Amino acid sequence: MSAGDTATELVRDVIIVGSGVAGLSAAVYAARADLEPLVLEGPEPGGQLTLTTDVENYLGFPDGVGGMELIQNGKEQATAFGAEFTHGTVEDVALESRPLELELSDGTTLRTRALIVASGASARWVGADGEDELMGYGLSTCATCDGAFHRGDDVLVIGGGDSAMEEALFLAKFADSVTVVHRREDLRASEIMADRARTHEAIEFRWNTELEGIHGSRETGVTGATLVSHPDGYPANRAANGADVERETIEIGGVFYGIGHTPNTEFLEGTTVERDESGYLFTRSDDAGRATTETAVEGVFAAGDVADPNYRQAVTAAGTGSMAALDAEAFLETLEHANPVASELSA
């Protein structure tokens, strides 16, 4: 089904933006509740999990499961219950009136009573040679997801903020050595995180250094890296401007990017949905102080990494996806009680 096929006066009960684990979990729950959700698969269908070759910490798979396989199974499950999927990228939304309206990049306008935002967060990449081929094959953006695959390896962590320090400290439990590669001499990390990393016996630092290339293949995984350095820092920029820099190729077994994530919430700019300075969505608590997936806009819910800068795990994303669907279902029930004929609008 294409987005153009949905460009009618139809008002959906639920539209889910995003087809990663959070979106798929929401789709399963919403479909089982006979809400016939429409799932919008954005520019990266399946989300970050499709970049992970093996998932060993997802409940119910004692022998692990491929990231792509897990996503495909989830889509099949949601479809079997009645969820619909279409390719489409949300460019703009109108949340001030009812029903809510979504404008897609192809000009299609969709209307819905409830909206679940599960568009995830995209890891920032360095731009090093080889990263496209090796992402998920020894190159990772999540130490807690993939660190256990690197027992006994020498690994690099790229970055100088809290994210990089957290990655390095976690990897130090498994790897023989962890080297933090940072383009300056001063860390951006908080003092406590920086001190923990600096004093750890398995963690070393390469200052004024950047990752230029990653070596290996999908068959062998990461086998090495090329580093570029300059005593005054920011060596890649200096090299691009013709300055003399030092290059070194080293043998390593893994590379981890720790330069943060960017939540995919650009389409909510200018709305009253509350976001933090990085773009992560804020969710609200109920009257008893318990967590929900409700945002500041009635009928708009958030699930997965789009509202989670801390855990970023498949299992937590799936959990909040189910919560968002249940919250949306409860919200729709209040609408039906307030207006018993509301269901006729979608006929």
C-alpha atoms as a PDB file:
ATOM      1  CA  MET A   1       0.000   0.000   0.000  1.00  0.00           C
ATOM      2  CA  SER A   2       1.425   3.405  -0.931  1.00  0.00           C
ATOM      3  CA  ALA A   3       1.017   6.661   0.934  1.00  0.00           C
ATOM      4  CA  GLY A   4      -0.956   8.023  -1.992  1.00  0.00           C
ATOM      5  CA  ASP A   5      -3.562   5.302  -1.520  1.00  0.00           C
ATOM      6  CA  THR A   6      -4.302   6.678   1.945  1.00  0.00           C
ATOM      7  CA  ALA A   7      -4.836  10.270   0.756  1.00  0.00           C
ATOM      8  CA  THR A   8      -8.564  10.295   1.390  1.00  0.00           C
ATOM      9  CA  GLU A   9     -10.914  11.710   3.976  1.00  0.00           C
ATOM     10  CA  LEU A  10     -10.291   8.627   6.079  1.00  0.00           C
ATOM     11  CA  VAL A  11      -9.510   9.422   9.695  1.00  0.00           C
ATOM     12  CA  ARG A  12      -7.290   6.801  11.265  1.00  0.00           C
ATOM     13  CA  ASP A  13      -7.600   5.793  14.881  1.00  0.00           C
ATOM     14  CA  VAL A  14      -3.814   5.447  15.233  1.00  0.00           C
ATOM     15  CA  ILE A  15      -0.862   6.360  13.065  1.00  0.00           C
ATOM     16  CA  ILE A  16       2.583   5.190  14.160  1.00  0.00           C
ATOM     17  CA  VAL A  17       5.606   7.096  12.895  1.00  0.00           C
ATOM     18  CA  GLY A  18       8.528   4.691  12.780  1.00  0.00           C
ATOM     19  CA  SER A  19       9.003   0.975  12.119  1.00  0.00           C
ATOM     20  CA  GLY A  20      11.759   0.062  14.547  1.00  0.00           C
ATOM     21  CA  VAL A  21      11.201  -2.111  17.596  1.00  0.00           C
ATOM     22  CA  ALA A  22       9.148   0.564  19.385  1.00  0.00           C
ATOM     23  CA  GLY A  23       6.912   1.211  16.375  1.00  0.00           C
ATOM     24  CA  LEU A  24       6.420  -2.485  15.681  1.00  0.00           C
ATOM     25  CA  SER A  25       5.572  -3.238  19.296  1.00  0.00           C
ATOM     26  CA  ALA A  26       3.045  -0.402  19.276  1.00  0.00           C
ATOM     27  CA  ALA A  27       1.634  -1.748  16.011  1.00  0.00           C
ATOM     28  CA  VAL A  28       1.157  -5.247  17.438  1.00  0.00           C
ATOM     29  CA  TYR A  29      -0.680  -3.963  20.486  1.00  0.00           C
ATOM     30  CA  ALA A  30      -2.770  -1.438  18.568  1.00  0.00           C
ATOM     31  CA  ALA A  31      -3.695  -3.976  15.909  1.00  0.00           C
ATOM     32  CA  ARG A  32      -4.717  -6.556  18.503  1.00  0.00           C
ATOM     33  CA  ALA A  33      -7.025  -3.895  19.929  1.00  0.00           C
ATOM     34  CA  ASP A  34      -8.686  -3.616  16.480  1.00  0.00           C
ATOM     35  CA  LEU A  35      -7.420  -0.061  15.998  1.00  0.00           C
ATOM     36  CA  GLU A  36      -6.078  -0.890  12.501  1.00  0.00           C
ATOM     37  CA  PRO A  37      -2.927   1.217  12.921  1.00  0.00           C
ATOM     38  CA  LEU A  38      -1.065   2.657   9.952  1.00  0.00           C
ATOM     39  CA  VAL A  39       2.722   2.423  10.368  1.00  0.00           C
ATOM     40  CA  LEU A  40       4.863   4.913   8.474  1.00  0.00           C
ATOM     41  CA  GLU A  41       8.209   3.453   7.496  1.00  0.00           C
ATOM     42  CA  GLY A  42      10.562   6.392   7.229  1.00  0.00           C
ATOM     43  CA  PRO A  43      13.890   6.746   5.416  1.00  0.00           C
ATOM     44  CA  GLU A  44      15.440   4.007   7.604  1.00  0.00           C
ATOM     45  CA  PRO A  45      12.809   1.217   7.839  1.00  0.00           C
ATOM     46  CA  GLY A  46      13.423  -0.963  10.855  1.00  0.00           C
ATOM     47  CA  GLY A  47      15.568   1.570  12.663  1.00  0.00           C
ATOM     48  CA  GLN A  48      19.006   1.062  14.167  1.00  0.00           C
ATOM     49  CA  LEU A  49      18.469  -2.610  14.915  1.00  0.00           C
ATOM     50  CA  THR A  50      18.821  -3.385  11.216  1.00  0.00           C
ATOM     51  CA  LEU A  51      22.480  -2.340  11.580  1.00  0.00           C
ATOM     52  CA  THR A  52      23.102  -5.024  14.220  1.00  0.00           C
ATOM     53  CA  THR A  53      24.074  -8.447  12.977  1.00  0.00           C
ATOM     54  CA  ASP A  54      23.388 -10.361  16.215  1.00  0.00           C
ATOM     55  CA  VAL A  55      21.208  -9.498  19.205  1.00  0.00           C
ATOM     56  CA  GLU A  56      22.033 -11.631  22.233  1.00  0.00           C
ATOM     57  CA  ASN A  57      20.202  -9.772  24.994  1.00  0.00           C
ATOM     58  CA  TYR A  58      16.622  -9.758  23.692  1.00  0.00           C
ATOM     59  CA  LEU A  59      14.370 -11.885  25.876  1.00  0.00           C
ATOM     60  CA  GLY A  60      13.251 -15.167  24.366  1.00  0.00           C
ATOM     61  CA  PHE A  61      16.204 -15.798  22.050  1.00  0.00           C
ATOM     62  CA  PRO A  62      18.773 -17.779  24.079  1.00  0.00           C
ATOM     63  CA  ASP A  63      20.916 -18.330  20.982  1.00  0.00           C
ATOM     64  CA  GLY A  64      20.599 -14.736  19.819  1.00  0.00           C
ATOM     65  CA  VAL A  65      18.752 -13.367  16.815  1.00  0.00           C
ATOM     66  CA  GLY A  66      19.741 -11.224  13.871  1.00  0.00           C
ATOM     67  CA  GLY A  67      18.658  -7.606  14.086  1.00  0.00           C
ATOM     68  CA  MET A  68      17.045  -7.686  10.654  1.00  0.00           C
ATOM     69  CA  GLU A  69      15.333 -10.989  11.450  1.00  0.00           C
ATOM     70  CA  LEU A  70      13.863  -9.561  14.643  1.00  0.00           C
ATOM     71  CA  ILE A  71      12.492  -6.573  12.737  1.00  0.00           C
ATOM     72  CA  GLN A  72      11.059  -8.706   9.940  1.00  0.00           C
ATOM     73  CA  ASN A  73       9.385 -11.032  12.436  1.00  0.00           C
ATOM     74  CA  GLY A  74       7.875  -8.058  14.227  1.00  0.00           C
ATOM     75  CA  LYS A  75       6.497  -6.632  10.996  1.00  0.00           C
ATOM     76  CA  GLU A  76       4.960  -9.972  10.049  1.00  0.00           C
ATOM     77  CA  GLN A  77       3.398 -10.255  13.491  1.00  0.00           C
ATOM     78  CA  ALA A  78       1.907  -6.766  13.339  1.00  0.00           C
ATOM     79  CA  THR A  79       0.615  -7.343   9.806  1.00  0.00           C
ATOM     80  CA  ALA A  80      -1.032 -10.608  10.849  1.00  0.00           C
ATOM     81  CA  PHE A  81      -3.026  -8.717  13.480  1.00  0.00           C
ATOM     82  CA  GLY A  82      -4.176  -6.080  10.970  1.00  0.00           C
ATOM     83  CA  ALA A  83      -1.564  -3.308  10.983  1.00  0.00           C
ATOM     84  CA  GLU A  84      -0.896  -1.575   7.667  1.00  0.00           C
ATOM     85  CA  PHE A  85       2.545  -0.387   6.553  1.00  0.00           C
ATOM     86  CA  THR A  86       3.425   2.324   4.062  1.00  0.00           C
ATOM     87  CA  HIS A  87       6.599   4.134   3.094  1.00  0.00           C
ATOM     88  CA  GLY A  88       6.466   7.798   3.991  1.00  0.00           C
ATOM     89  CA  THR A  89       8.441  10.525   5.700  1.00  0.00           C
ATOM     90  CA  VAL A  90       6.624  13.074   7.834  1.00  0.00           C
ATOM     91  CA  GLU A  91       7.589  16.620   6.890  1.00  0.00           C
ATOM     92  CA  ASP A  92       5.112  18.584   8.998  1.00  0.00           C
ATOM     93  CA  VAL A  93       2.258  18.113  11.444  1.00  0.00           C
ATOM     94  CA  ALA A  94      -0.788  20.101  12.518  1.00  0.00           C
ATOM     95  CA  LEU A  95      -1.636  19.275  16.124  1.00  0.00           C
ATOM     96  CA  GLU A  96      -3.750  22.283  17.095  1.00  0.00           C
ATOM     97  CA  SER A  97      -7.094  20.873  15.926  1.00  0.00           C
ATOM     98  CA  ARG A  98      -8.802  17.496  15.636  1.00  0.00           C
ATOM     99  CA  PRO A  99      -8.177  15.207  13.927  1.00  0.00           C
ATOM    100  CA  LEU A 100      -4.396  15.520  13.909  1.00  0.00           C
ATOM    101  CA  GLU A 101      -2.859  15.966  10.467  1.00  0.00           C
ATOM    102  CA  LEU A 102       0.447  14.729   9.076  1.00  0.00           C
ATOM    103  CA  GLU A 103       1.937  16.008   5.848  1.00  0.00           C
ATOM    104  CA  LEU A 104       4.296  13.595   4.101  1.00  0.00           C
ATOM    105  CA  SER A 105       7.227  14.440   1.881  1.00  0.00           C
ATOM    106  CA  ASP A 106       5.252  13.403  -1.216  1.00  0.00           C
ATOM    107  CA  GLY A 107       2.474  15.882  -0.415  1.00  0.00           C
ATOM    108  CA  THR A 108       0.067  13.338   1.040  1.00  0.00           C
ATOM    109  CA  THR A 109      -1.945  14.464   4.079  1.00  0.00           C
ATOM    110  CA  LEU A 110      -2.952  11.858   6.658  1.00  0.00           C
ATOM    111  CA  ARG A 111      -5.472  12.364   9.464  1.00  0.00           C
ATOM    112  CA  THR A 112      -5.590  10.545  12.772  1.00  0.00           C
ATOM    113  CA  ARG A 113      -7.130  10.706  16.215  1.00  0.00           C
ATOM    114  CA  ALA A 114      -4.010   9.419  17.956  1.00  0.00           C
ATOM    115  CA  LEU A 115      -0.363   9.653  16.967  1.00  0.00           C
ATOM    116  CA  ILE A 116       2.466   7.488  18.278  1.00  0.00           C
ATOM    117  CA  VAL A 117       5.896   8.961  17.609  1.00  0.00           C
ATOM    118  CA  ALA A 118       8.403   6.111  17.438  1.00  0.00           C
ATOM    119  CA  SER A 119      10.800   7.633  14.929  1.00  0.00           C
ATOM    120  CA  GLY A 120      13.867   6.783  16.995  1.00  0.00           C
ATOM    121  CA  ALA A 121      17.236   8.456  17.226  1.00  0.00           C
ATOM    122  CA  SER A 122      20.021   8.222  14.676  1.00  0.00           C
ATOM    123  CA  ALA A 123      23.571   7.618  15.866  1.00  0.00           C
ATOM    124  CA  ARG A 124      26.066  10.198  14.695  1.00  0.00           C
ATOM    125  CA  TRP A 125      28.710   8.781  12.399  1.00  0.00           C
ATOM    126  CA  VAL A 126      32.265   9.989  11.970  1.00  0.00           C
ATOM    127  CA  GLY A 127      32.528   9.784   8.199  1.00  0.00           C
ATOM    128  CA  ALA A 128      35.568   7.494   8.246  1.00  0.00           C
ATOM    129  CA  ASP A 129      36.444   5.382   5.243  1.00  0.00           C
ATOM    130  CA  GLY A 130      34.906   1.929   5.520  1.00  0.00           C
ATOM    131  CA  GLU A 131      32.180   2.748   8.029  1.00  0.00           C
ATOM    132  CA  ASP A 132      29.295   2.114   5.620  1.00  0.00           C
ATOM    133  CA  GLU A 133      30.508  -1.405   4.897  1.00  0.00           C
ATOM    134  CA  LEU A 134      31.520  -2.308   8.439  1.00  0.00           C
ATOM    135  CA  MET A 135      28.679  -0.860  10.513  1.00  0.00           C
ATOM    136  CA  GLY A 136      27.327  -3.877  12.362  1.00  0.00           C
ATOM    137  CA  TYR A 137      30.400  -5.950  11.482  1.00  0.00           C
ATOM    138  CA  GLY A 138      32.781  -4.825  14.205  1.00  0.00           C
ATOM    139  CA  LEU A 139      31.793  -1.171  14.029  1.00  0.00           C
ATOM    140  CA  SER A 140      29.019  -0.280  16.463  1.00  0.00           C
ATOM    141  CA  THR A 141      27.260   2.646  18.094  1.00  0.00           C
ATOM    142  CA  CYS A 142      26.162   0.684  21.166  1.00  0.00           C
ATOM    143  CA  ALA A 143      28.608  -0.931  23.596  1.00  0.00           C
ATOM    144  CA  THR A 144      25.867  -2.453  25.752  1.00  0.00           C
ATOM    145  CA  CYS A 145      24.464  -4.107  22.618  1.00  0.00           C
ATOM    146  CA  ASP A 146      27.695  -5.392  21.089  1.00  0.00           C
ATOM    147  CA  GLY A 147      30.428  -5.184  23.716  1.00  0.00           C
ATOM    148  CA  ALA A 148      30.248  -8.851  24.671  1.00  0.00           C
ATOM    149  CA  PHE A 149      31.246  -9.821  21.128  1.00  0.00           C
ATOM    150  CA  HIS A 150      34.660  -8.248  21.744  1.00  0.00           C
ATOM    151  CA  ARG A 151      35.994 -10.329  24.602  1.00  0.00           C
ATOM    152  CA  GLY A 152      39.765 -10.290  24.380  1.00  0.00           C
ATOM    153  CA  ASP A 153      39.877  -7.689  21.599  1.00  0.00           C
ATOM    154  CA  ASP A 154      41.638  -4.356  21.432  1.00  0.00           C
ATOM    155  CA  VAL A 155      38.970  -1.776  20.598  1.00  0.00           C
ATOM    156  CA  LEU A 156      38.663   1.940  19.888  1.00  0.00           C
ATOM    157  CA  VAL A 157      36.053   4.328  21.221  1.00  0.00           C
ATOM    158  CA  ILE A 158      35.591   7.527  19.254  1.00  0.00           C
ATOM    159  CA  GLY A 159      34.503  10.622  21.155  1.00  0.00           C
ATOM    160  CA  GLY A 160      35.163  12.777  24.191  1.00  0.00           C
ATOM    161  CA  GLY A 161      31.811  13.242  25.908  1.00  0.00           C
ATOM    162  CA  ASP A 162      29.853  11.255  28.471  1.00  0.00           C
ATOM    163  CA  SER A 163      28.612   8.868  25.790  1.00  0.00           C
ATOM    164  CA  ALA A 164      32.177   7.933  24.870  1.00  0.00           C
ATOM    165  CA  MET A 165      33.206   7.492  28.515  1.00  0.00           C
ATOM    166  CA  GLU A 166      30.206   5.253  29.159  1.00  0.00           C
ATOM    167  CA  GLU A 167      31.056   3.162  26.103  1.00  0.00           C
ATOM    168  CA  ALA A 168      34.687   2.848  27.163  1.00  0.00           C
ATOM    169  CA  LEU A 169      33.899   1.867  30.747  1.00  0.00           C
ATOM    170  CA  PHE A 170      31.429  -0.785  29.616  1.00  0.00           C
ATOM    171  CA  LEU A 171      33.797  -2.194  27.010  1.00  0.00           C
ATOM    172  CA  ALA A 172      36.578  -2.433  29.582  1.00  0.00           C
ATOM    173  CA  LYS A 173      34.643  -5.344  31.126  1.00  0.00           C
ATOM    174  CA  PHE A 174      35.245  -7.426  28.002  1.00  0.00           C
ATOM    175  CA  ALA A 175      38.068  -6.068  25.852  1.00  0.00           C
ATOM    176  CA  ASP A 176      41.766  -6.537  26.518  1.00  0.00           C
ATOM    177  CA  SER A 177      42.290  -2.843  25.937  1.00  0.00           C
ATOM    178  CA  VAL A 178      40.119   0.190  25.173  1.00  0.00           C
ATOM    179  CA  THR A 179      41.591   3.263  23.526  1.00  0.00           C
ATOM    180  CA  VAL A 180      39.569   6.469  23.505  1.00  0.00           C
ATOM    181  CA  VAL A 181      40.326   8.529  20.409  1.00  0.00           C
ATOM    182  CA  HIS A 182      39.582  12.230  20.828  1.00  0.00           C
ATOM    183  CA  ARG A 183      40.318  15.097  18.483  1.00  0.00           C
ATOM    184  CA  ARG A 184      41.315  17.497  21.269  1.00  0.00           C
ATOM    185  CA  GLU A 185      43.229  17.349  24.557  1.00  0.00           C
ATOM    186  CA  ASP A 186      40.250  18.252  26.719  1.00  0.00           C
ATOM    187  CA  LEU A 187      37.273  15.960  27.257  1.00  0.00           C
ATOM    188  CA  ARG A 188      33.736  17.274  27.043  1.00  0.00           C
ATOM    189  CA  ALA A 189      32.595  14.612  29.497  1.00  0.00           C
ATOM    190  CA  SER A 190      31.465  15.420  33.006  1.00  0.00           C
ATOM    191  CA  GLU A 191      34.253  15.392  35.565  1.00  0.00           C
ATOM    192  CA  ILE A 192      33.074  12.237  37.295  1.00  0.00           C
ATOM    193  CA  MET A 193      32.813  10.258  34.048  1.00  0.00           C
ATOM    194  CA  ALA A 194      36.140  11.558  32.783  1.00  0.00           C
ATOM    195  CA  ASP A 195      37.867  10.610  36.057  1.00  0.00           C
ATOM    196  CA  ARG A 196      36.444   7.092  35.968  1.00  0.00           C
ATOM    197  CA  ALA A 197      37.736   6.550  32.464  1.00  0.00           C
ATOM    198  CA  ARG A 198      41.141   8.149  33.066  1.00  0.00           C
ATOM    199  CA  THR A 199      41.839   6.052  36.150  1.00  0.00           C
ATOM    200  CA  HIS A 200      40.701   2.742  34.652  1.00  0.00           C
ATOM    201  CA  GLU A 201      43.683   0.488  34.049  1.00  0.00           C
ATOM    202  CA  ALA A 202      42.290  -0.928  30.780  1.00  0.00           C
ATOM    203  CA  ILE A 203      41.496   2.448  29.179  1.00  0.00           C
ATOM    204  CA  GLU A 204      44.016   4.574  27.315  1.00  0.00           C
ATOM    205  CA  PHE A 205      43.641   7.874  25.476  1.00  0.00           C
ATOM    206  CA  ARG A 206      44.877   9.099  22.123  1.00  0.00           C
ATOM    207  CA  TRP A 207      44.690  12.886  22.233  1.00  0.00           C
ATOM    208  CA  ASN A 208      44.506  15.232  19.237  1.00  0.00           C
ATOM    209  CA  THR A 209      43.659  12.223  17.109  1.00  0.00           C
ATOM    210  CA  GLU A 210      40.816  11.265  14.790  1.00  0.00           C
ATOM    211  CA  LEU A 211      39.661   8.130  13.035  1.00  0.00           C
ATOM    212  CA  GLU A 212      40.306   8.371   9.306  1.00  0.00           C
ATOM    213  CA  GLY A 213      39.593   4.846   8.108  1.00  0.00           C
ATOM    214  CA  ILE A 214      38.408   1.423   9.286  1.00  0.00           C
ATOM    215  CA  HIS A 215      39.833  -1.762   7.785  1.00  0.00           C
ATOM    216  CA  GLY A 216      38.329  -5.216   7.451  1.00  0.00           C
ATOM    217  CA  SER A 217      35.384  -6.855   5.717  1.00  0.00           C
ATOM    218  CA  ARG A 218      31.978  -8.242   6.534  1.00  0.00           C
ATOM    219  CA  GLU A 219      33.534 -11.700   6.523  1.00  0.00           C
ATOM    220  CA  THR A 220      36.426 -10.905   8.865  1.00  0.00           C
ATOM    221  CA  GLY A 221      34.955  -7.999  10.800  1.00  0.00           C
ATOM    222  CA  VAL A 222      37.067  -5.009  11.775  1.00  0.00           C
ATOM    223  CA  THR A 223      40.781  -5.771  11.653  1.00  0.00           C
ATOM    224  CA  GLY A 224      42.413  -2.345  11.868  1.00  0.00           C
ATOM    225  CA  ALA A 225      42.085   1.413  11.707  1.00  0.00           C
ATOM    226  CA  THR A 226      43.959   4.407  10.377  1.00  0.00           C
ATOM    227  CA  LEU A 227      44.374   7.278  12.815  1.00  0.00           C
ATOM    228  CA  VAL A 228      45.416  10.818  11.952  1.00  0.00           C
ATOM    229  CA  SER A 229      46.901  13.145  14.561  1.00  0.00           C
ATOM    230  CA  HIS A 230      48.257  16.670  14.982  1.00  0.00           C
ATOM    231  CA  PRO A 231      49.698  18.216  18.160  1.00  0.00           C
ATOM    232  CA  ASP A 232      47.267  21.139  17.993  1.00  0.00           C
ATOM    233  CA  GLY A 233      44.168  18.974  17.616  1.00  0.00           C
ATOM    234  CA  TYR A 234      41.437  18.652  14.985  1.00  0.00           C
ATOM    235  CA  PRO A 235      43.810  16.791  12.652  1.00  0.00           C
ATOM    236  CA  ALA A 236      41.247  15.947   9.964  1.00  0.00           C
ATOM    237  CA  ASN A 237      40.463  19.605   9.385  1.00  0.00           C
ATOM    238  CA  ARG A 238      44.146  20.463   9.339  1.00  0.00           C
ATOM    239  CA  ALA A 239      44.848  17.692   6.838  1.00  0.00           C
ATOM    240  CA  ALA A 240      42.060  18.980   4.586  1.00  0.00           C
ATOM    241  CA  ASN A 241      43.711  22.412   4.669  1.00  0.00           C
ATOM    242  CA  GLY A 242      47.103  21.020   3.662  1.00  0.00           C
ATOM    243  CA  ALA A 243      48.784  20.829   7.071  1.00  0.00           C
ATOM    244  CA  ASP A 244      51.250  18.062   7.854  1.00  0.00           C
ATOM    245  CA  VAL A 245      49.654  15.385   9.998  1.00  0.00           C
ATOM    246  CA  GLU A 246      50.803  12.029  11.280  1.00  0.00           C
ATOM    247  CA  ARG A 247      49.023   8.875  10.120  1.00  0.00           C
ATOM    248  CA  GLU A 248      49.221   5.501  11.785  1.00  0.00           C
ATOM    249  CA  THR A 249      47.560   2.181  10.971  1.00  0.00           C
ATOM    250  CA  ILE A 250      46.922  -0.080  13.946  1.00  0.00           C
ATOM    251  CA  GLU A 251      45.455  -3.551  14.459  1.00  0.00           C
ATOM    252  CA  ILE A 252      42.195  -3.615  16.380  1.00  0.00           C
ATOM    253  CA  GLY A 253      39.151  -5.859  16.699  1.00  0.00           C
ATOM    254  CA  GLY A 254      36.387  -3.307  17.010  1.00  0.00           C
ATOM    255  CA  VAL A 255      35.393   0.350  16.795  1.00  0.00           C
ATOM    256  CA  PHE A 256      32.645   2.039  18.792  1.00  0.00           C
ATOM    257  CA  TYR A 257      31.237   5.460  18.002  1.00  0.00           C
ATOM    258  CA  GLY A 258      30.436   7.419  21.146  1.00  0.00           C
ATOM    259  CA  ILE A 259      29.595  10.816  19.711  1.00  0.00           C
ATOM    260  CA  GLY A 260      25.928  10.790  20.591  1.00  0.00           C
ATOM    261  CA  HIS A 261      22.575  10.379  18.894  1.00  0.00           C
ATOM    262  CA  THR A 262      20.158  12.747  17.210  1.00  0.00           C
ATOM    263  CA  PRO A 263      16.449  12.084  17.852  1.00  0.00           C
ATOM    264  CA  ASN A 264      14.370  12.104  14.694  1.00  0.00           C
ATOM    265  CA  THR A 265      11.923  14.771  15.812  1.00  0.00           C
ATOM    266  CA  GLU A 266      12.525  17.566  13.314  1.00  0.00           C
ATOM    267  CA  PHE A 267       8.940  17.319  12.098  1.00  0.00           C
ATOM    268  CA  LEU A 268       7.723  18.344  15.555  1.00  0.00           C
ATOM    269  CA  GLU A 269       9.584  21.652  15.570  1.00  0.00           C
ATOM    270  CA  GLY A 270       7.197  24.549  16.052  1.00  0.00           C
ATOM    271  CA  THR A 271       4.586  22.397  17.795  1.00  0.00           C
ATOM    272  CA  THR A 272       3.705  22.332  21.474  1.00  0.00           C
ATOM    273  CA  VAL A 273       5.163  18.844  21.920  1.00  0.00           C
ATOM    274  CA  GLU A 274       7.868  19.412  24.521  1.00  0.00           C
ATOM    275  CA  ARG A 275      11.457  18.469  23.637  1.00  0.00           C
ATOM    276  CA  ASP A 276      14.763  18.921  25.392  1.00  0.00           C
ATOM    277  CA  GLU A 277      17.624  20.890  23.878  1.00  0.00           C
ATOM    278  CA  SER A 278      18.771  17.831  21.933  1.00  0.00           C
ATOM    279  CA  GLY A 279      15.312  17.115  20.543  1.00  0.00           C
ATOM    280  CA  TYR A 280      14.291  14.191  22.766  1.00  0.00           C
ATOM    281  CA  LEU A 281      10.592  14.175  23.612  1.00  0.00           C
ATOM    282  CA  PHE A 282       9.360  14.672  27.163  1.00  0.00           C
ATOM    283  CA  THR A 283       6.606  12.372  28.394  1.00  0.00           C
ATOM    284  CA  ARG A 284       4.266  12.979  31.297  1.00  0.00           C
ATOM    285  CA  SER A 285       3.328  11.192  34.495  1.00  0.00           C
ATOM    286  CA  ASP A 286      -0.230  10.364  35.497  1.00  0.00           C
ATOM    287  CA  ASP A 287      -2.008  11.835  38.515  1.00  0.00           C
ATOM    288  CA  ALA A 288      -0.357   9.251  40.746  1.00  0.00           C
ATOM    289  CA  GLY A 289       3.112  10.166  39.473  1.00  0.00           C
ATOM    290  CA  ARG A 290       3.582   7.046  37.374  1.00  0.00           C
ATOM    291  CA  ALA A 291       5.228   7.201  33.967  1.00  0.00           C
ATOM    292  CA  THR A 292       3.164   7.289  30.782  1.00  0.00           C
ATOM    293  CA  THR A 293       3.977   7.810  27.124  1.00  0.00           C
ATOM    294  CA  GLU A 294       1.767  10.901  26.851  1.00  0.00           C
ATOM    295  CA  THR A 295       3.355  14.072  25.520  1.00  0.00           C
ATOM    296  CA  ALA A 296       2.273  17.640  26.173  1.00  0.00           C
ATOM    297  CA  VAL A 297      -0.194  17.373  23.278  1.00  0.00           C
ATOM    298  CA  GLU A 298      -3.330  15.364  23.903  1.00  0.00           C
ATOM    299  CA  GLY A 299      -3.453  12.322  21.674  1.00  0.00           C
ATOM    300  CA  VAL A 300       0.276  12.335  20.876  1.00  0.00           C
ATOM    301  CA  PHE A 301       2.424   9.623  22.451  1.00  0.00           C
ATOM    302  CA  ALA A 302       6.150   8.867  22.364  1.00  0.00           C
ATOM    303  CA  ALA A 303       7.871   5.477  22.356  1.00  0.00           C
ATOM    304  CA  GLY A 304      11.392   4.151  22.070  1.00  0.00           C
ATOM    305  CA  ASP A 305      14.639   6.021  21.566  1.00  0.00           C
ATOM    306  CA  VAL A 306      12.843   9.200  20.532  1.00  0.00           C
ATOM    307  CA  ALA A 307      12.133   9.759  24.230  1.00  0.00           C
ATOM    308  CA  ASP A 308      15.036   7.793  25.713  1.00  0.00           C
ATOM    309  CA  PRO A 309      18.552   9.279  25.679  1.00  0.00           C
ATOM    310  CA  ASN A 310      19.739   6.898  28.396  1.00  0.00           C
ATOM    311  CA  TYR A 311      18.955   3.204  27.842  1.00  0.00           C
ATOM    312  CA  ARG A 312      18.495   2.909  24.046  1.00  0.00           C
ATOM    313  CA  GLN A 313      17.891  -0.847  24.170  1.00  0.00           C
ATOM    314  CA  ALA A 314      15.641  -2.921  21.937  1.00  0.00           C
ATOM    315  CA  VAL A 315      13.802  -4.388  24.902  1.00  0.00           C
ATOM    316  CA  THR A 316      13.083  -0.997  26.489  1.00  0.00           C
ATOM    317  CA  ALA A 317      11.942   0.352  23.132  1.00  0.00           C
ATOM    318  CA  ALA A 318       9.562  -2.571  22.744  1.00  0.00           C
ATOM    319  CA  GLY A 319       8.236  -1.965  26.242  1.00  0.00           C
ATOM    320  CA  THR A 320       7.467   1.690  25.671  1.00  0.00           C
ATOM    321  CA  GLY A 321       5.959   0.809  22.290  1.00  0.00           C
ATOM    322  CA  SER A 322       3.404  -1.414  23.994  1.00  0.00           C
ATOM    323  CA  MET A 323       2.797   1.282  26.602  1.00  0.00           C
ATOM    324  CA  ALA A 324       2.160   3.879  23.899  1.00  0.00           C
ATOM    325  CA  ALA A 325      -0.397   1.646  22.189  1.00  0.00           C
ATOM    326  CA  LEU A 326      -2.187   1.001  25.476  1.00  0.00           C
ATOM    327  CA  ASP A 327      -2.155   4.712  26.312  1.00  0.00           C
ATOM    328  CA  ALA A 328      -3.502   5.534  22.848  1.00  0.00           C
ATOM    329  CA  GLU A 329      -6.242   2.941  23.209  1.00  0.00           C
ATOM    330  CA  ALA A 330      -7.299   4.425  26.548  1.00  0.00           C
ATOM    331  CA  PHE A 331      -7.270   7.913  25.032  1.00  0.00           C
ATOM    332  CA  LEU A 332      -9.470   6.826  22.132  1.00  0.00           C
ATOM    333  CA  GLU A 333     -11.938   5.299  24.564  1.00  0.00           C
ATOM    334  CA  THR A 334     -12.310   8.679  26.275  1.00  0.00           C
ATOM    335  CA  LEU A 335     -13.093  10.228  22.891  1.00  0.00           C
ATOM    336  CA  GLU A 336     -15.761   7.650  22.179  1.00  0.00           C
ATOM    337  CA  HIS A 337     -17.388   8.249  25.557  1.00  0.00           C
ATOM    338  CA  ALA A 338     -17.279  11.997  24.956  1.00  0.00           C
ATOM    339  CA  ASN A 339     -18.697  11.643  21.419  1.00  0.00           C
ATOM    340  CA  PRO A 340     -20.497   8.327  20.801  1.00  0.00           C
ATOM    341  CA  VAL A 341     -20.755   9.002  17.046  1.00  0.00           C
ATOM    342  CA  ALA A 342     -17.042   9.718  16.595  1.00  0.00           C
ATOM    343  CA  SER A 343     -16.463   6.256  15.158  1.00  0.00           C
ATOM    344  CA  GLU A 344     -18.693   7.109  12.214  1.00  0.00           C
ATOM    345  CA  LEU A 345     -16.109   9.638  10.962  1.00  0.00           C
ATOM    346  CA  SER A 346     -13.759   6.847   9.890  1.00  0.00           C
ATOM    347  CA  ALA A 347     -16.401   4.883   8.024  1.00  0.00           C
END
